[in-house]
Structures are given as C-alpha cells and as structure tokens.
Amino acid sequence: MKRKILSLCVGLGMVLVVGATTASDFAEFYVERIEREGFTVVSINRTLLGRVQIVSEDAQNRRETVLNPLTGELLQDLIIPTDRVPLLPDLEKLFDFGLRQGRHGDSPKN
C-alpha cells in the first residue's frame, strides 16, 4: 500500500514538473525558430486566455505569434508588413463631394 502511494506521489510530481517546464520549452522553441528566420523578439506576453504571445520584428515586418503553452500548438503566426497601405483612404478625399469649389452647378459669387 505504501509503495502504491509513493509511486503515485512520484508520478504526480513528475507530471507537474514536466508540465511546468513544457510551457517554457514551447515558448523557447518558437523564440529560437523566430530568431533563426531573421526576426528580433520584441516582447513575450500572456494573453487574457493564458496563451503566449510573441511579438517580433525585422526590417520590413512585424510578426505576432500566439501559442498554447500547455500543448505547444501554434494558434497564430501573423506577419504584417510595416509599410502596408492604410485600410482607409484619405478621409478628406473619401467625403469630398465637390461642394467646396462649386462643382455642382453652384458658381462662386464674385
């Protein structure tokens, strides 16, 4: 009986230690991979859901990598060009209907 309890405690302890080191091992693995690909790691954070977010950059891109620290699953690896075109064009041009310069039949008064 004592032997079973002892082996159960040792087994549980090993699972806890392996689980704790695995989370950091996964993050280290991805950090090394990102750096091998030419990116510089800017920050490593935890998200609200407990995931690991690694933000890195190179000369032209920003990279956001998100992984599950328990399983090591890569959830997102997004590369965003830093010189990308803005999503919205210049707002003044977008909302300019030609009313300012009398292009709709209104002649400016002299």
C-alpha atoms as a PDB file:
ATOM      1  CA  MET A   1       0.000   0.000   0.000  1.00  0.00           C
ATOM      2  CA  LYS A   2       2.785   2.427   0.911  1.00  0.00           C
ATOM      3  CA  ARG A   3       4.560   1.553  -2.309  1.00  0.00           C
ATOM      4  CA  LYS A   4       1.469   2.437  -4.367  1.00  0.00           C
ATOM      5  CA  ILE A   5       1.051   5.769  -2.599  1.00  0.00           C
ATOM      6  CA  LEU A   6       4.735   6.560  -3.011  1.00  0.00           C
ATOM      7  CA  SER A   7       4.711   5.712  -6.723  1.00  0.00           C
ATOM      8  CA  LEU A   8       1.518   7.759  -7.185  1.00  0.00           C
ATOM      9  CA  CYS A   9       3.100  10.793  -5.474  1.00  0.00           C
ATOM     10  CA  VAL A  10       6.294  10.462  -7.517  1.00  0.00           C
ATOM     11  CA  GLY A  11       4.270  10.128 -10.722  1.00  0.00           C
ATOM     12  CA  LEU A  12       2.159  13.169  -9.890  1.00  0.00           C
ATOM     13  CA  GLY A  13       5.251  15.187  -9.036  1.00  0.00           C
ATOM     14  CA  MET A  14       6.845  14.264 -12.351  1.00  0.00           C
ATOM     15  CA  VAL A  15       3.707  15.274 -14.262  1.00  0.00           C
ATOM     16  CA  LEU A  16       3.642  18.662 -12.530  1.00  0.00           C
ATOM     17  CA  VAL A  17       7.342  19.289 -13.152  1.00  0.00           C
ATOM     18  CA  VAL A  18       7.131  18.181 -16.785  1.00  0.00           C
ATOM     19  CA  GLY A  19       4.007  20.317 -17.316  1.00  0.00           C
ATOM     20  CA  ALA A  20       5.679  23.385 -15.849  1.00  0.00           C
ATOM     21  CA  THR A  21       8.845  23.061 -17.903  1.00  0.00           C
ATOM     22  CA  THR A  22       6.974  22.192 -21.079  1.00  0.00           C
ATOM     23  CA  ALA A  23       5.241  25.585 -21.243  1.00  0.00           C
ATOM     24  CA  SER A  24       8.550  27.448 -21.187  1.00  0.00           C
ATOM     25  CA  ASP A  25      10.136  24.898 -23.523  1.00  0.00           C
ATOM     26  CA  PHE A  26       7.457  25.522 -26.148  1.00  0.00           C
ATOM     27  CA  ALA A  27       7.977  29.279 -25.911  1.00  0.00           C
ATOM     28  CA  GLU A  28      11.766  28.877 -26.136  1.00  0.00           C
ATOM     29  CA  PHE A  29      11.389  26.609 -29.180  1.00  0.00           C
ATOM     30  CA  TYR A  30       9.316  29.217 -31.027  1.00  0.00           C
ATOM     31  CA  VAL A  31      11.593  32.094 -29.967  1.00  0.00           C
ATOM     32  CA  GLU A  32      14.603  30.229 -31.373  1.00  0.00           C
ATOM     33  CA  ARG A  33      12.700  29.470 -34.581  1.00  0.00           C
ATOM     34  CA  ILE A  34      11.621  33.105 -34.992  1.00  0.00           C
ATOM     35  CA  GLU A  35      15.173  34.355 -34.432  1.00  0.00           C
ATOM     36  CA  ARG A  36      16.548  31.823 -36.949  1.00  0.00           C
ATOM     37  CA  GLU A  37      14.148  33.300 -39.510  1.00  0.00           C
ATOM     38  CA  GLY A  38      15.725  36.749 -39.050  1.00  0.00           C
ATOM     39  CA  PHE A  39      13.285  38.378 -36.632  1.00  0.00           C
ATOM     40  CA  THR A  40      14.175  40.091 -33.355  1.00  0.00           C
ATOM     41  CA  VAL A  41      11.867  39.275 -30.450  1.00  0.00           C
ATOM     42  CA  VAL A  42      10.406  42.480 -29.013  1.00  0.00           C
ATOM     43  CA  SER A  43       8.182  41.031 -26.268  1.00  0.00           C
ATOM     44  CA  ILE A  44       6.747  37.827 -24.838  1.00  0.00           C
ATOM     45  CA  ASN A  45       3.410  38.206 -23.039  1.00  0.00           C
ATOM     46  CA  ARG A  46       0.481  36.187 -21.741  1.00  0.00           C
ATOM     47  CA  THR A  47      -2.930  36.924 -23.241  1.00  0.00           C
ATOM     48  CA  LEU A  48      -6.147  37.080 -21.232  1.00  0.00           C
ATOM     49  CA  LEU A  49      -6.832  33.461 -22.235  1.00  0.00           C
ATOM     50  CA  GLY A  50      -3.447  32.336 -20.887  1.00  0.00           C
ATOM     51  CA  ARG A  51      -1.821  31.926 -24.281  1.00  0.00           C
ATOM     52  CA  VAL A  52       1.730  33.026 -25.032  1.00  0.00           C
ATOM     53  CA  GLN A  53       2.079  35.939 -27.470  1.00  0.00           C
ATOM     54  CA  ILE A  54       5.488  36.550 -29.027  1.00  0.00           C
ATOM     55  CA  VAL A  55       5.905  39.869 -30.855  1.00  0.00           C
ATOM     56  CA  SER A  56       8.931  40.217 -33.127  1.00  0.00           C
ATOM     57  CA  GLU A  57      10.165  42.469 -35.922  1.00  0.00           C
ATOM     58  CA  ASP A  58      12.589  42.597 -38.805  1.00  0.00           C
ATOM     59  CA  ALA A  59      13.414  45.471 -41.167  1.00  0.00           C
ATOM     60  CA  GLN A  60      10.116  45.308 -43.076  1.00  0.00           C
ATOM     61  CA  ASN A  61       7.670  43.273 -40.979  1.00  0.00           C
ATOM     62  CA  ARG A  62       6.068  42.881 -37.579  1.00  0.00           C
ATOM     63  CA  ARG A  63       5.264  39.313 -36.540  1.00  0.00           C
ATOM     64  CA  GLU A  64       2.770  38.167 -33.905  1.00  0.00           C
ATOM     65  CA  THR A  65       2.944  34.535 -32.862  1.00  0.00           C
ATOM     66  CA  VAL A  66       0.406  33.046 -30.429  1.00  0.00           C
ATOM     67  CA  LEU A  67       0.705  29.558 -28.970  1.00  0.00           C
ATOM     68  CA  ASN A  68      -0.979  27.360 -26.422  1.00  0.00           C
ATOM     69  CA  PRO A  69       1.564  26.895 -23.605  1.00  0.00           C
ATOM     70  CA  LEU A  70       0.046  23.595 -22.472  1.00  0.00           C
ATOM     71  CA  THR A  71       0.079  21.761 -25.792  1.00  0.00           C
ATOM     72  CA  GLY A  72       2.596  23.794 -27.794  1.00  0.00           C
ATOM     73  CA  GLU A  73       0.018  24.235 -30.562  1.00  0.00           C
ATOM     74  CA  LEU A  74       0.731  27.189 -32.814  1.00  0.00           C
ATOM     75  CA  LEU A  75      -2.531  29.140 -32.836  1.00  0.00           C
ATOM     76  CA  GLN A  76      -1.488  32.143 -34.940  1.00  0.00           C
ATOM     77  CA  ASP A  77       1.585  33.267 -36.818  1.00  0.00           C
ATOM     78  CA  LEU A  78       0.816  36.588 -38.450  1.00  0.00           C
ATOM     79  CA  ILE A  79       3.351  38.640 -40.423  1.00  0.00           C
ATOM     80  CA  ILE A  80       2.303  42.253 -41.032  1.00  0.00           C
ATOM     81  CA  PRO A  81       4.312  44.499 -43.375  1.00  0.00           C
ATOM     82  CA  THR A  82       5.191  47.730 -41.581  1.00  0.00           C
ATOM     83  CA  ASP A  83       4.872  49.767 -44.784  1.00  0.00           C
ATOM     84  CA  ARG A  84       1.438  48.425 -45.695  1.00  0.00           C
ATOM     85  CA  VAL A  85      -1.174  50.570 -47.360  1.00  0.00           C
ATOM     86  CA  PRO A  86      -3.683  52.022 -44.874  1.00  0.00           C
ATOM     87  CA  LEU A  87      -7.053  50.311 -44.790  1.00  0.00           C
ATOM     88  CA  LEU A  88      -8.978  53.552 -45.380  1.00  0.00           C
ATOM     89  CA  PRO A  89      -8.017  56.123 -47.991  1.00  0.00           C
ATOM     90  CA  ASP A  90      -7.573  59.743 -47.041  1.00  0.00           C
ATOM     91  CA  LEU A  91     -10.879  60.634 -45.346  1.00  0.00           C
ATOM     92  CA  GLU A  92     -10.996  64.123 -46.854  1.00  0.00           C
ATOM     93  CA  LYS A  93     -10.916  62.635 -50.351  1.00  0.00           C
ATOM     94  CA  LEU A  94     -13.448  59.986 -49.384  1.00  0.00           C
ATOM     95  CA  PHE A  95     -16.034  62.531 -48.199  1.00  0.00           C
ATOM     96  CA  ASP A  96     -15.288  65.296 -50.716  1.00  0.00           C
ATOM     97  CA  PHE A  97     -18.417  65.533 -52.869  1.00  0.00           C
ATOM     98  CA  GLY A  98     -17.246  68.603 -54.772  1.00  0.00           C
ATOM     99  CA  LEU A  99     -19.286  71.047 -52.683  1.00  0.00           C
ATOM    100  CA  ARG A 100     -16.377  73.236 -51.695  1.00  0.00           C
ATOM    101  CA  GLN A 101     -15.484  74.566 -55.105  1.00  0.00           C
ATOM    102  CA  GLY A 102     -18.882  74.879 -56.708  1.00  0.00           C
ATOM    103  CA  ARG A 103     -18.605  71.857 -58.955  1.00  0.00           C
ATOM    104  CA  HIS A 104     -22.289  71.004 -58.692  1.00  0.00           C
ATOM    105  CA  GLY A 105     -23.719  73.876 -60.653  1.00  0.00           C
ATOM    106  CA  ASP A 106     -23.073  76.463 -57.955  1.00  0.00           C
ATOM    107  CA  SER A 107     -20.995  79.243 -59.361  1.00  0.00           C
ATOM    108  CA  PRO A 108     -18.893  81.083 -56.814  1.00  0.00           C
ATOM    109  CA  LYS A 109     -20.051  84.637 -56.249  1.00  0.00           C
ATOM    110  CA  ASN A 110     -17.707  87.363 -57.313  1.00  0.00           C
END
